[in-house]
N, C-alpha and C. Protein backbone atom coordinates (compact mmCIF):
# COMPACT_ATOMS: atom_id res chain seq x y z
N MET A 1 85.69 -48.56 -52.65
CA MET A 1 84.34 -49.00 -52.37
C MET A 1 83.32 -48.21 -53.19
N ARG A 2 83.53 -46.89 -53.24
CA ARG A 2 82.58 -46.05 -53.96
C ARG A 2 82.56 -46.37 -55.45
N SER A 3 83.73 -46.61 -56.04
CA SER A 3 83.77 -46.91 -57.47
C SER A 3 83.14 -48.28 -57.76
N ALA A 4 83.28 -49.23 -56.85
CA ALA A 4 82.65 -50.54 -57.04
C ALA A 4 81.14 -50.41 -56.99
N LEU A 5 80.64 -49.58 -56.07
CA LEU A 5 79.20 -49.35 -55.98
C LEU A 5 78.69 -48.65 -57.23
N HIS A 6 79.45 -47.67 -57.70
CA HIS A 6 79.08 -46.95 -58.91
C HIS A 6 79.04 -47.89 -60.12
N ARG A 7 80.03 -48.76 -60.24
CA ARG A 7 80.05 -49.74 -61.34
C ARG A 7 78.85 -50.68 -61.26
N ALA A 8 78.52 -51.11 -60.05
CA ALA A 8 77.38 -52.02 -59.87
C ALA A 8 76.08 -51.34 -60.26
N ILE A 9 75.89 -50.10 -59.84
CA ILE A 9 74.67 -49.37 -60.19
C ILE A 9 74.61 -49.12 -61.69
N SER A 10 75.74 -48.77 -62.28
CA SER A 10 75.78 -48.55 -63.74
C SER A 10 75.45 -49.83 -64.49
N GLY A 11 75.96 -50.95 -64.01
CA GLY A 11 75.66 -52.23 -64.64
C GLY A 11 74.20 -52.60 -64.54
N ILE A 12 73.61 -52.36 -63.40
CA ILE A 12 72.18 -52.65 -63.21
C ILE A 12 71.35 -51.75 -64.10
N ARG A 13 71.72 -50.46 -64.17
CA ARG A 13 70.99 -49.52 -65.03
C ARG A 13 71.06 -49.97 -66.49
N TRP A 14 72.27 -50.35 -66.96
CA TRP A 14 72.43 -50.82 -68.33
C TRP A 14 71.55 -52.05 -68.59
N TYR A 15 71.57 -52.99 -67.65
CA TYR A 15 70.80 -54.23 -67.82
C TYR A 15 69.31 -53.94 -67.92
N VAL A 16 68.80 -53.09 -67.05
CA VAL A 16 67.36 -52.77 -67.07
C VAL A 16 67.00 -52.05 -68.37
N ARG A 17 67.84 -51.11 -68.82
CA ARG A 17 67.56 -50.41 -70.08
C ARG A 17 67.55 -51.36 -71.27
N GLU A 18 68.46 -52.33 -71.29
CA GLU A 18 68.48 -53.31 -72.37
C GLU A 18 67.29 -54.26 -72.28
N LEU A 19 66.96 -54.67 -71.09
CA LEU A 19 65.85 -55.60 -70.88
C LEU A 19 64.52 -55.00 -71.30
N THR A 20 64.31 -53.73 -71.01
CA THR A 20 63.06 -53.06 -71.34
C THR A 20 63.09 -52.40 -72.72
N ASP A 21 64.21 -52.51 -73.43
CA ASP A 21 64.40 -51.92 -74.76
C ASP A 21 64.33 -50.39 -74.73
N GLU A 22 64.64 -49.82 -73.59
CA GLU A 22 64.69 -48.37 -73.43
C GLU A 22 65.83 -47.77 -74.25
N SER A 23 66.87 -48.53 -74.47
CA SER A 23 68.04 -48.01 -75.19
C SER A 23 67.89 -48.06 -76.71
N SER A 24 66.77 -48.55 -77.21
CA SER A 24 66.60 -48.65 -78.66
C SER A 24 66.62 -47.28 -79.34
N TYR A 25 66.07 -46.26 -78.68
CA TYR A 25 66.09 -44.92 -79.25
C TYR A 25 67.53 -44.42 -79.37
N ASP A 26 68.33 -44.64 -78.34
CA ASP A 26 69.73 -44.21 -78.37
C ASP A 26 70.49 -44.91 -79.49
N ARG A 27 70.25 -46.21 -79.68
CA ARG A 27 70.90 -46.94 -80.77
C ARG A 27 70.45 -46.42 -82.13
N HIS A 28 69.16 -46.10 -82.25
CA HIS A 28 68.62 -45.58 -83.51
C HIS A 28 69.25 -44.23 -83.85
N ILE A 29 69.37 -43.37 -82.88
CA ILE A 29 69.97 -42.05 -83.10
C ILE A 29 71.44 -42.20 -83.48
N ALA A 30 72.16 -43.09 -82.83
CA ALA A 30 73.57 -43.32 -83.17
C ALA A 30 73.70 -43.84 -84.60
N HIS A 31 72.78 -44.72 -85.00
CA HIS A 31 72.79 -45.23 -86.37
C HIS A 31 72.56 -44.11 -87.38
N ILE A 32 71.58 -43.26 -87.12
CA ILE A 32 71.29 -42.16 -88.04
C ILE A 32 72.48 -41.23 -88.15
N ARG A 33 73.07 -40.86 -87.02
CA ARG A 33 74.21 -39.93 -87.05
C ARG A 33 75.41 -40.51 -87.77
N GLU A 34 75.59 -41.82 -87.66
CA GLU A 34 76.76 -42.44 -88.28
C GLU A 34 76.54 -42.71 -89.77
N ASP A 35 75.39 -43.29 -90.12
CA ASP A 35 75.17 -43.72 -91.50
C ASP A 35 74.41 -42.73 -92.37
N HIS A 36 73.64 -41.84 -91.76
CA HIS A 36 72.82 -40.88 -92.52
C HIS A 36 72.94 -39.49 -91.88
N PRO A 37 74.10 -38.86 -91.95
CA PRO A 37 74.31 -37.60 -91.23
C PRO A 37 73.41 -36.45 -91.68
N ALA A 38 72.89 -36.50 -92.90
CA ALA A 38 72.04 -35.41 -93.38
C ALA A 38 70.57 -35.62 -93.01
N ALA A 39 70.23 -36.78 -92.50
CA ALA A 39 68.83 -37.09 -92.18
C ALA A 39 68.40 -36.36 -90.91
N LEU A 40 67.11 -36.07 -90.85
CA LEU A 40 66.55 -35.45 -89.66
C LEU A 40 66.45 -36.47 -88.53
N ILE A 41 66.72 -36.04 -87.33
CA ILE A 41 66.64 -36.91 -86.15
C ILE A 41 65.22 -36.83 -85.61
N PRO A 42 64.52 -37.96 -85.51
CA PRO A 42 63.16 -37.93 -84.97
C PRO A 42 63.17 -37.69 -83.46
N THR A 43 62.11 -37.10 -82.97
CA THR A 43 61.98 -36.95 -81.52
C THR A 43 61.70 -38.32 -80.92
N ARG A 44 61.77 -38.42 -79.63
CA ARG A 44 61.49 -39.69 -78.95
C ARG A 44 60.06 -40.14 -79.26
N ARG A 45 59.14 -39.19 -79.24
CA ARG A 45 57.74 -39.50 -79.52
C ARG A 45 57.55 -40.02 -80.95
N GLU A 46 58.19 -39.37 -81.92
CA GLU A 46 58.10 -39.81 -83.31
C GLU A 46 58.70 -41.20 -83.48
N PHE A 47 59.81 -41.44 -82.82
CA PHE A 47 60.45 -42.76 -82.89
C PHE A 47 59.52 -43.84 -82.33
N GLU A 48 58.94 -43.59 -81.17
CA GLU A 48 58.04 -44.58 -80.57
C GLU A 48 56.81 -44.82 -81.44
N ARG A 49 56.31 -43.76 -82.07
CA ARG A 49 55.15 -43.90 -82.97
C ARG A 49 55.52 -44.76 -84.18
N MET A 50 56.69 -44.51 -84.79
CA MET A 50 57.15 -45.31 -85.93
C MET A 50 57.31 -46.77 -85.52
N ARG A 51 57.89 -46.99 -84.36
CA ARG A 51 58.12 -48.35 -83.89
C ARG A 51 56.81 -49.08 -83.62
N THR A 52 55.86 -48.39 -83.03
CA THR A 52 54.55 -48.99 -82.77
C THR A 52 53.82 -49.29 -84.07
N ASP A 53 53.85 -48.36 -85.01
CA ASP A 53 53.19 -48.59 -86.31
C ASP A 53 53.83 -49.77 -87.03
N ARG A 54 55.15 -49.85 -87.02
CA ARG A 54 55.84 -50.96 -87.68
C ARG A 54 55.47 -52.29 -87.03
N ARG A 55 55.39 -52.30 -85.71
CA ARG A 55 55.05 -53.53 -84.98
C ARG A 55 53.61 -53.96 -85.27
N ASP A 56 52.70 -52.99 -85.38
CA ASP A 56 51.30 -53.31 -85.65
C ASP A 56 51.09 -53.82 -87.07
N LYS A 57 51.88 -53.35 -88.03
CA LYS A 57 51.73 -53.77 -89.42
C LYS A 57 52.28 -55.17 -89.67
N ASP A 58 53.32 -55.55 -88.94
CA ASP A 58 53.97 -56.83 -89.18
C ASP A 58 53.68 -57.79 -88.03
N PRO A 59 52.92 -58.85 -88.29
CA PRO A 59 52.56 -59.77 -87.20
C PRO A 59 53.75 -60.52 -86.62
N ARG A 60 54.88 -60.53 -87.32
CA ARG A 60 56.07 -61.21 -86.79
C ARG A 60 56.80 -60.37 -85.76
N GLN A 61 56.47 -59.09 -85.65
CA GLN A 61 57.17 -58.18 -84.73
C GLN A 61 56.53 -58.18 -83.34
N GLY A 62 56.56 -59.29 -82.69
CA GLY A 62 56.02 -59.35 -81.33
C GLY A 62 54.58 -59.84 -81.34
N PHE A 63 54.12 -60.23 -80.22
CA PHE A 63 52.78 -60.79 -80.08
C PHE A 63 51.90 -59.79 -79.35
N ARG A 64 50.73 -59.53 -79.92
CA ARG A 64 49.76 -58.66 -79.26
C ARG A 64 48.46 -59.42 -79.15
N CYS A 65 47.97 -59.55 -77.97
CA CYS A 65 46.76 -60.34 -77.77
C CYS A 65 45.50 -59.49 -77.99
N CYS A 66 45.61 -58.19 -77.86
CA CYS A 66 44.40 -57.36 -77.93
C CYS A 66 44.52 -56.29 -79.00
């Protein structure tokens, strides 16, 4: 019973992280470590700033009304 509950909670956590794109930083870090091992790893704040700047520069990257 306990393992089934743990699996259910883990599944819900994974789904919410994917839905809110919270896991994008983790995927980015995994990509850097695998493909560019000598590159510096950005902090979470630096990553979010780069992502926001990229989204603001390219009108195809999501819709912003304001």
